[in-house]
C-alpha atoms as a PDB file:
ATOM      1  CA  MET A   1     -22.734 -17.217  11.823  1.00  0.00           C
ATOM      2  CA  ALA A   2     -22.928 -14.526   9.161  1.00  0.00           C
ATOM      3  CA  LYS A   3     -20.239 -14.627   6.487  1.00  0.00           C
ATOM      4  CA  VAL A   4     -18.741 -12.022   4.176  1.00  0.00           C
ATOM      5  CA  ILE A   5     -16.601 -12.726   1.121  1.00  0.00           C
ATOM      6  CA  LEU A   6     -13.975 -10.092   0.307  1.00  0.00           C
ATOM      7  CA  LEU A   7     -12.448  -9.948  -3.183  1.00  0.00           C
ATOM      8  CA  ASN A   8      -9.094  -8.260  -3.650  1.00  0.00           C
ATOM      9  CA  GLY A   9      -8.974  -7.027  -7.222  1.00  0.00           C
ATOM     10  CA  SER A  10      -5.417  -5.755  -6.913  1.00  0.00           C
ATOM     11  CA  PRO A  11      -2.515  -7.796  -8.300  1.00  0.00           C
ATOM     12  CA  HIS A  12      -0.675  -7.026  -5.068  1.00  0.00           C
ATOM     13  CA  PRO A  13      -1.864  -9.243  -2.178  1.00  0.00           C
ATOM     14  CA  LYS A  14      -0.268  -6.937   0.415  1.00  0.00           C
ATOM     15  CA  GLY A  15      -0.817  -3.595  -1.286  1.00  0.00           C
ATOM     16  CA  CYS A  16      -3.126  -0.607  -0.829  1.00  0.00           C
ATOM     17  CA  THR A  17      -6.404  -2.423  -1.499  1.00  0.00           C
ATOM     18  CA  ALA A  18      -5.450  -5.288   0.809  1.00  0.00           C
ATOM     19  CA  THR A  19      -4.666  -2.805   3.574  1.00  0.00           C
ATOM     20  CA  ALA A  20      -8.165  -1.348   3.303  1.00  0.00           C
ATOM     21  CA  LEU A  21      -9.792  -4.785   3.269  1.00  0.00           C
ATOM     22  CA  ASP A  22      -7.712  -5.930   6.254  1.00  0.00           C
ATOM     23  CA  GLU A  23      -9.055  -2.982   8.215  1.00  0.00           C
ATOM     24  CA  MET A  24     -12.565  -4.179   7.500  1.00  0.00           C
ATOM     25  CA  ILE A  25     -11.711  -7.767   8.405  1.00  0.00           C
ATOM     26  CA  SER A  26     -10.486  -6.698  11.844  1.00  0.00           C
ATOM     27  CA  VAL A  27     -13.896  -5.151  12.548  1.00  0.00           C
ATOM     28  CA  PHE A  28     -15.856  -8.080  11.107  1.00  0.00           C
ATOM     29  CA  GLU A  29     -14.005 -10.391  13.497  1.00  0.00           C
ATOM     30  CA  LYS A  30     -15.015  -8.212  16.459  1.00  0.00           C
ATOM     31  CA  GLU A  31     -18.609  -8.206  15.218  1.00  0.00           C
ATOM     32  CA  GLY A  32     -18.693 -12.000  14.991  1.00  0.00           C
ATOM     33  CA  VAL A  33     -18.839 -12.088  11.187  1.00  0.00           C
ATOM     34  CA  GLU A  34     -16.849 -14.814   9.444  1.00  0.00           C
ATOM     35  CA  THR A  35     -14.729 -13.628   6.533  1.00  0.00           C
ATOM     36  CA  GLU A  36     -12.864 -15.066   3.587  1.00  0.00           C
ATOM     37  CA  LEU A  37     -10.441 -12.946   1.583  1.00  0.00           C
ATOM     38  CA  ILE A  38      -9.999 -14.103  -2.013  1.00  0.00           C
ATOM     39  CA  GLN A  39      -7.130 -12.835  -4.157  1.00  0.00           C
ATOM     40  CA  VAL A  40      -8.440 -12.113  -7.655  1.00  0.00           C
ATOM     41  CA  GLY A  41      -6.276  -9.408  -9.190  1.00  0.00           C
ATOM     42  CA  SER A  42      -3.180 -11.560  -9.627  1.00  0.00           C
ATOM     43  CA  LYS A  43      -5.005 -14.269 -11.607  1.00  0.00           C
ATOM     44  CA  ALA A  44      -5.265 -14.623 -15.383  1.00  0.00           C
ATOM     45  CA  ILE A  45      -9.011 -14.156 -15.831  1.00  0.00           C
ATOM     46  CA  ARG A  46     -10.578 -13.779 -19.255  1.00  0.00           C
ATOM     47  CA  GLY A  47     -13.723 -11.806 -19.892  1.00  0.00           C
ATOM     48  CA  CYS A  48     -17.199 -13.074 -20.683  1.00  0.00           C
ATOM     49  CA  VAL A  49     -17.708 -14.176 -24.313  1.00  0.00           C
ATOM     50  CA  SER A  50     -21.524 -14.314 -24.151  1.00  0.00           C
ATOM     51  CA  CYS A  51     -21.584 -17.978 -25.167  1.00  0.00           C
ATOM     52  CA  GLY A  52     -24.777 -18.841 -23.270  1.00  0.00           C
ATOM     53  CA  PHE A  53     -23.267 -21.928 -21.618  1.00  0.00           C
ATOM     54  CA  CYS A  54     -24.097 -20.697 -18.114  1.00  0.00           C
ATOM     55  CA  ALA A  55     -27.797 -20.265 -18.932  1.00  0.00           C
ATOM     56  CA  LYS A  56     -28.036 -23.977 -19.710  1.00  0.00           C
ATOM     57  CA  ASN A  57     -25.571 -25.372 -17.171  1.00  0.00           C
ATOM     58  CA  GLY A  58     -25.648 -22.958 -14.214  1.00  0.00           C
ATOM     59  CA  ARG A  59     -21.905 -22.315 -14.309  1.00  0.00           C
ATOM     60  CA  CYS A  60     -19.358 -20.556 -16.476  1.00  0.00           C
ATOM     61  CA  ALA A  61     -17.949 -22.462 -19.449  1.00  0.00           C
ATOM     62  CA  PHE A  62     -14.376 -21.569 -18.532  1.00  0.00           C
ATOM     63  CA  ASN A  63     -12.609 -23.380 -15.716  1.00  0.00           C
ATOM     64  CA  ASP A  64      -9.364 -21.446 -16.052  1.00  0.00           C
ATOM     65  CA  ASP A  65      -9.749 -19.365 -12.909  1.00  0.00           C
ATOM     66  CA  LEU A  66     -11.718 -18.685  -9.728  1.00  0.00           C
ATOM     67  CA  VAL A  67     -15.204 -17.922 -11.047  1.00  0.00           C
ATOM     68  CA  ASN A  68     -16.765 -21.359 -10.632  1.00  0.00           C
ATOM     69  CA  GLU A  69     -14.876 -21.881  -7.377  1.00  0.00           C
ATOM     70  CA  VAL A  70     -16.123 -18.640  -5.828  1.00  0.00           C
ATOM     71  CA  ALA A  71     -19.717 -19.007  -7.061  1.00  0.00           C
ATOM     72  CA  PRO A  72     -20.917 -21.415  -4.311  1.00  0.00           C
ATOM     73  CA  LYS A  73     -19.127 -19.333  -1.686  1.00  0.00           C
ATOM     74  CA  PHE A  74     -20.946 -16.252  -2.932  1.00  0.00           C
ATOM     75  CA  GLU A  75     -24.250 -18.116  -2.815  1.00  0.00           C
ATOM     76  CA  ALA A  76     -23.683 -19.109   0.815  1.00  0.00           C
ATOM     77  CA  ALA A  77     -22.413 -15.694   1.913  1.00  0.00           C
ATOM     78  CA  ASP A  78     -24.478 -12.920   3.449  1.00  0.00           C
ATOM     79  CA  GLY A  79     -22.361 -10.147   2.002  1.00  0.00           C
ATOM     80  CA  LEU A  80     -19.767  -9.361  -0.642  1.00  0.00           C
ATOM     81  CA  VAL A  81     -17.005  -6.751  -0.524  1.00  0.00           C
ATOM     82  CA  VAL A  82     -15.239  -5.952  -3.792  1.00  0.00           C
ATOM     83  CA  GLY A  83     -11.974  -4.046  -3.534  1.00  0.00           C
ATOM     84  CA  SER A  84     -10.017  -2.633  -6.455  1.00  0.00           C
ATOM     85  CA  PRO A  85      -7.260  -0.164  -7.247  1.00  0.00           C
ATOM     86  CA  VAL A  86      -7.980   2.628  -9.710  1.00  0.00           C
ATOM     87  CA  TYR A  87      -6.566   2.130 -13.211  1.00  0.00           C
ATOM     88  CA  TYR A  88      -7.190   5.043 -15.587  1.00  0.00           C
ATOM     89  CA  GLY A  89     -10.280   6.134 -13.681  1.00  0.00           C
ATOM     90  CA  SER A  90     -11.779   2.630 -13.544  1.00  0.00           C
ATOM     91  CA  PRO A  91     -11.414  -0.601 -11.547  1.00  0.00           C
ATOM     92  CA  ASN A  92      -8.738  -3.140 -12.461  1.00  0.00           C
ATOM     93  CA  GLY A  93      -9.726  -4.977 -15.666  1.00  0.00           C
ATOM     94  CA  THR A  94      -9.146  -8.351 -14.025  1.00  0.00           C
ATOM     95  CA  ILE A  95     -11.728  -7.769 -11.293  1.00  0.00           C
ATOM     96  CA  LEU A  96     -14.217  -6.471 -13.853  1.00  0.00           C
ATOM     97  CA  SER A  97     -13.824  -9.595 -16.003  1.00  0.00           C
ATOM     98  CA  PHE A  98     -14.231 -11.700 -12.881  1.00  0.00           C
ATOM     99  CA  LEU A  99     -17.368  -9.876 -11.736  1.00  0.00           C
ATOM    100  CA  ASP A 100     -18.951  -9.943 -15.197  1.00  0.00           C
ATOM    101  CA  ARG A 101     -18.674 -13.704 -15.297  1.00  0.00           C
ATOM    102  CA  LEU A 102     -19.453 -14.311 -11.612  1.00  0.00           C
ATOM    103  CA  PHE A 103     -22.669 -12.307 -11.596  1.00  0.00           C
ATOM    104  CA  TYR A 104     -23.854 -13.376 -15.042  1.00  0.00           C
ATOM    105  CA  SER A 105     -23.141 -17.097 -14.735  1.00  0.00           C
ATOM    106  CA  THR A 106     -24.704 -17.667 -11.307  1.00  0.00           C
ATOM    107  CA  PRO A 107     -28.423 -18.523 -11.382  1.00  0.00           C
ATOM    108  CA  PHE A 108     -29.037 -18.119  -7.652  1.00  0.00           C
ATOM    109  CA  SER A 109     -30.766 -15.053  -6.240  1.00  0.00           C
ATOM    110  CA  LYS A 110     -28.520 -12.350  -4.832  1.00  0.00           C
ATOM    111  CA  HIS A 111     -31.517 -10.495  -3.416  1.00  0.00           C
ATOM    112  CA  MET A 112     -30.768  -8.860  -0.031  1.00  0.00           C
ATOM    113  CA  LYS A 113     -27.131  -9.965   0.125  1.00  0.00           C
ATOM    114  CA  VAL A 114     -25.252  -6.871   1.298  1.00  0.00           C
ATOM    115  CA  GLY A 115     -22.689  -5.453  -1.108  1.00  0.00           C
ATOM    116  CA  ALA A 116     -19.871  -2.976  -0.577  1.00  0.00           C
ATOM    117  CA  ALA A 117     -17.314  -1.550  -2.988  1.00  0.00           C
ATOM    118  CA  VAL A 118     -13.887  -0.380  -1.829  1.00  0.00           C
ATOM    119  CA  VAL A 119     -11.418   1.502  -4.015  1.00  0.00           C
ATOM    120  CA  SER A 120      -7.831   2.599  -3.497  1.00  0.00           C
ATOM    121  CA  CYS A 121      -6.091   5.295  -5.478  1.00  0.00           C
ATOM    122  CA  ARG A 122      -3.044   7.483  -5.328  1.00  0.00           C
ATOM    123  CA  ARG A 123      -5.013  10.626  -6.115  1.00  0.00           C
ATOM    124  CA  GLY A 124      -8.007  10.530  -8.509  1.00  0.00           C
ATOM    125  CA  GLY A 125     -10.458   8.282 -10.337  1.00  0.00           C
ATOM    126  CA  ASN A 126     -11.865   6.915  -7.104  1.00  0.00           C
ATOM    127  CA  THR A 127     -15.518   7.931  -7.351  1.00  0.00           C
ATOM    128  CA  ALA A 128     -15.769   6.787 -10.979  1.00  0.00           C
ATOM    129  CA  SER A 129     -14.386   3.363 -10.006  1.00  0.00           C
ATOM    130  CA  PHE A 130     -16.669   3.253  -6.966  1.00  0.00           C
ATOM    131  CA  ASP A 131     -19.670   3.858  -9.214  1.00  0.00           C
ATOM    132  CA  VAL A 132     -18.715   1.046 -11.604  1.00  0.00           C
ATOM    133  CA  LEU A 133     -18.406  -1.529  -8.823  1.00  0.00           C
ATOM    134  CA  ASN A 134     -21.677  -0.539  -7.160  1.00  0.00           C
ATOM    135  CA  LYS A 135     -23.607  -1.262 -10.350  1.00  0.00           C
ATOM    136  CA  TYR A 136     -23.040  -5.009  -9.911  1.00  0.00           C
ATOM    137  CA  PHE A 137     -24.926  -4.802  -6.624  1.00  0.00           C
ATOM    138  CA  THR A 138     -27.754  -2.515  -7.656  1.00  0.00           C
ATOM    139  CA  ILE A 139     -28.674  -4.585 -10.725  1.00  0.00           C
ATOM    140  CA  SER A 140     -28.865  -7.697  -8.526  1.00  0.00           C
ATOM    141  CA  GLY A 141     -31.165  -6.531  -5.733  1.00  0.00           C
ATOM    142  CA  MET A 142     -28.270  -6.248  -3.280  1.00  0.00           C
ATOM    143  CA  PRO A 143     -28.492  -3.451  -0.696  1.00  0.00           C
ATOM    144  CA  VAL A 144     -25.333  -1.317  -0.835  1.00  0.00           C
ATOM    145  CA  ALA A 145     -23.478  -0.573   2.399  1.00  0.00           C
ATOM    146  CA  SER A 146     -22.200   2.947   2.886  1.00  0.00           C
ATOM    147  CA  SER A 147     -19.906   4.601   5.408  1.00  0.00           C
ATOM    148  CA  THR A 148     -19.021   8.063   6.708  1.00  0.00           C
ATOM    149  CA  TYR A 149     -17.366   8.953   3.394  1.00  0.00           C
ATOM    150  CA  TRP A 150     -16.980   7.276   0.019  1.00  0.00           C
ATOM    151  CA  ASN A 151     -15.463   3.839   0.536  1.00  0.00           C
ATOM    152  CA  GLN A 152     -11.938   4.719  -0.498  1.00  0.00           C
ATOM    153  CA  VAL A 153      -8.372   4.994   0.710  1.00  0.00           C
ATOM    154  CA  HIS A 154      -5.508   7.040  -0.708  1.00  0.00           C
ATOM    155  CA  GLY A 155      -1.856   6.163  -1.137  1.00  0.00           C
ATOM    156  CA  PHE A 156       0.802   4.927  -3.507  1.00  0.00           C
ATOM    157  CA  SER A 157       1.829   2.114  -1.158  1.00  0.00           C
ATOM    158  CA  ALA A 158       0.437   0.118   1.745  1.00  0.00           C
ATOM    159  CA  GLU A 159       2.472   2.292   4.101  1.00  0.00           C
ATOM    160  CA  ASP A 160       0.831   5.392   2.634  1.00  0.00           C
ATOM    161  CA  VAL A 161      -2.626   3.922   3.196  1.00  0.00           C
ATOM    162  CA  LYS A 162      -1.788   3.258   6.835  1.00  0.00           C
ATOM    163  CA  LYS A 163      -1.270   7.018   7.178  1.00  0.00           C
ATOM    164  CA  ASP A 164      -4.686   7.737   5.667  1.00  0.00           C
ATOM    165  CA  LEU A 165      -6.452   7.773   9.021  1.00  0.00           C
ATOM    166  CA  GLU A 166      -9.733   9.016   7.602  1.00  0.00           C
ATOM    167  CA  GLY A 167      -9.714   6.330   4.928  1.00  0.00           C
ATOM    168  CA  LEU A 168      -9.085   3.579   7.488  1.00  0.00           C
ATOM    169  CA  GLN A 169     -11.804   5.027   9.699  1.00  0.00           C
ATOM    170  CA  THR A 170     -14.136   4.869   6.708  1.00  0.00           C
ATOM    171  CA  MET A 171     -13.286   1.183   6.281  1.00  0.00           C
ATOM    172  CA  ARG A 172     -14.031   0.420   9.922  1.00  0.00           C
ATOM    173  CA  ASN A 173     -17.353   2.250   9.813  1.00  0.00           C
ATOM    174  CA  LEU A 174     -18.209   0.493   6.570  1.00  0.00           C
ATOM    175  CA  ALA A 175     -17.605  -2.910   8.164  1.00  0.00           C
ATOM    176  CA  ARG A 176     -19.730  -1.986  11.186  1.00  0.00           C
ATOM    177  CA  ASN A 177     -22.574  -0.793   8.973  1.00  0.00           C
ATOM    178  CA  MET A 178     -22.351  -3.896   6.838  1.00  0.00           C
ATOM    179  CA  ALA A 179     -22.396  -6.215   9.856  1.00  0.00           C
ATOM    180  CA  PHE A 180     -25.436  -4.362  11.205  1.00  0.00           C
ATOM    181  CA  MET A 181     -27.274  -4.575   7.898  1.00  0.00           C
ATOM    182  CA  ILE A 182     -26.648  -8.300   7.599  1.00  0.00           C
ATOM    183  CA  GLY A 183     -27.968  -8.876  11.120  1.00  0.00           C
ATOM    184  CA  ALA A 184     -30.952  -6.587  10.615  1.00  0.00           C
ATOM    185  CA  PHE A 185     -31.932  -8.209   7.333  1.00  0.00           C
ATOM    186  CA  ALA A 186     -31.702 -11.671   8.865  1.00  0.00           C
ATOM    187  CA  ALA A 187     -33.969 -10.617  11.726  1.00  0.00           C
ATOM    188  CA  ALA A 188     -36.416  -8.933   9.352  1.00  0.00           C
ATOM    189  CA  LYS A 189     -36.518 -11.974   7.089  1.00  0.00           C
ATOM    190  CA  GLU A 190     -37.440 -14.165  10.049  1.00  0.00           C
ATOM    191  CA  GLN A 191     -40.150 -11.802  11.248  1.00  0.00           C
ATOM    192  CA  PHE A 192     -41.574 -10.373   8.029  1.00  0.00           C
ATOM    193  CA  GLY A 193     -39.982 -12.219   5.111  1.00  0.00           C
ATOM    194  CA  TYR A 194     -38.189 -10.514   2.254  1.00  0.00           C
ATOM    195  CA  PRO A 195     -40.076  -8.212  -0.148  1.00  0.00           C
ATOM    196  CA  GLU A 196     -41.581  -9.821  -3.224  1.00  0.00           C
ATOM    197  CA  MET A 197     -39.526  -9.496  -6.399  1.00  0.00           C
ATOM    198  CA  GLU A 198     -41.099  -9.375  -9.863  1.00  0.00           C
ATOM    199  CA  ASN A 199     -39.063 -10.725 -12.775  1.00  0.00           C
ATOM    200  CA  ASN A 200     -41.557 -11.261 -15.580  1.00  0.00           C
ATOM    201  CA  ALA A 201     -41.185  -8.093 -17.641  1.00  0.00           C
ATOM    202  CA  PHE A 202     -38.267  -7.919 -20.078  1.00  0.00           C
ATOM    203  CA  THR A 203     -38.405  -4.994 -22.479  1.00  0.00           C
ATOM    204  CA  SER A 204     -36.350  -5.446 -25.640  1.00  0.00           C
ATOM    205  CA  PHE A 205     -38.402  -3.829 -28.445  1.00  0.00           C
ATOM    206  CA  PRO A 206     -37.710  -6.630 -30.960  1.00  0.00           C
ATOM    207  CA  ASP A 207     -40.049  -5.026 -33.525  1.00  0.00           C
ATOM    208  CA  GLY A 208     -37.828  -1.944 -33.701  1.00  0.00           C
ATOM    209  CA  LYS A 209     -40.665   0.464 -32.759  1.00  0.00           C
END
């Protein structure tokens, strides 16, 4: 059975972001996709310190939070949904610290795992936050799932989001598209194999020219 991990970057486990993710989960269940919702935004998660420990040991040096716990779940999953509220036109700092360390410290290939970003806002800053989250996927060879609008909901509270019928519809369509992509990629891998990935070139211009 296909599996999707959903990360709630909000400090509120029953807030606006959770409402959007719950809407997706209801569709995933109908589509036969297993889900696991992981609460990230309420944890005390420090940022990456570029210590290089993960390059030698395959895991983050810090064991103070969820990063090393979520890493094997991410490796086994077929898709990843990252949800975050908008703070000053950007995702929650906690989820960004978490994603920096999760993506950088994990040596396994993320190629062809389906990614989707979800943002919640009262009014503005949504597309800027959406763009930031999508960059984790596009740098990792992860196809990005889209919907019938940008993957966002509006509201100051969970009750507000429940009134955002277009936003909830967007979440449902996003989940359907994501489930389809996961199934299609699995079938294509079996029939054709995944496309070859080159990783030898690394341009750094160490001579300063």
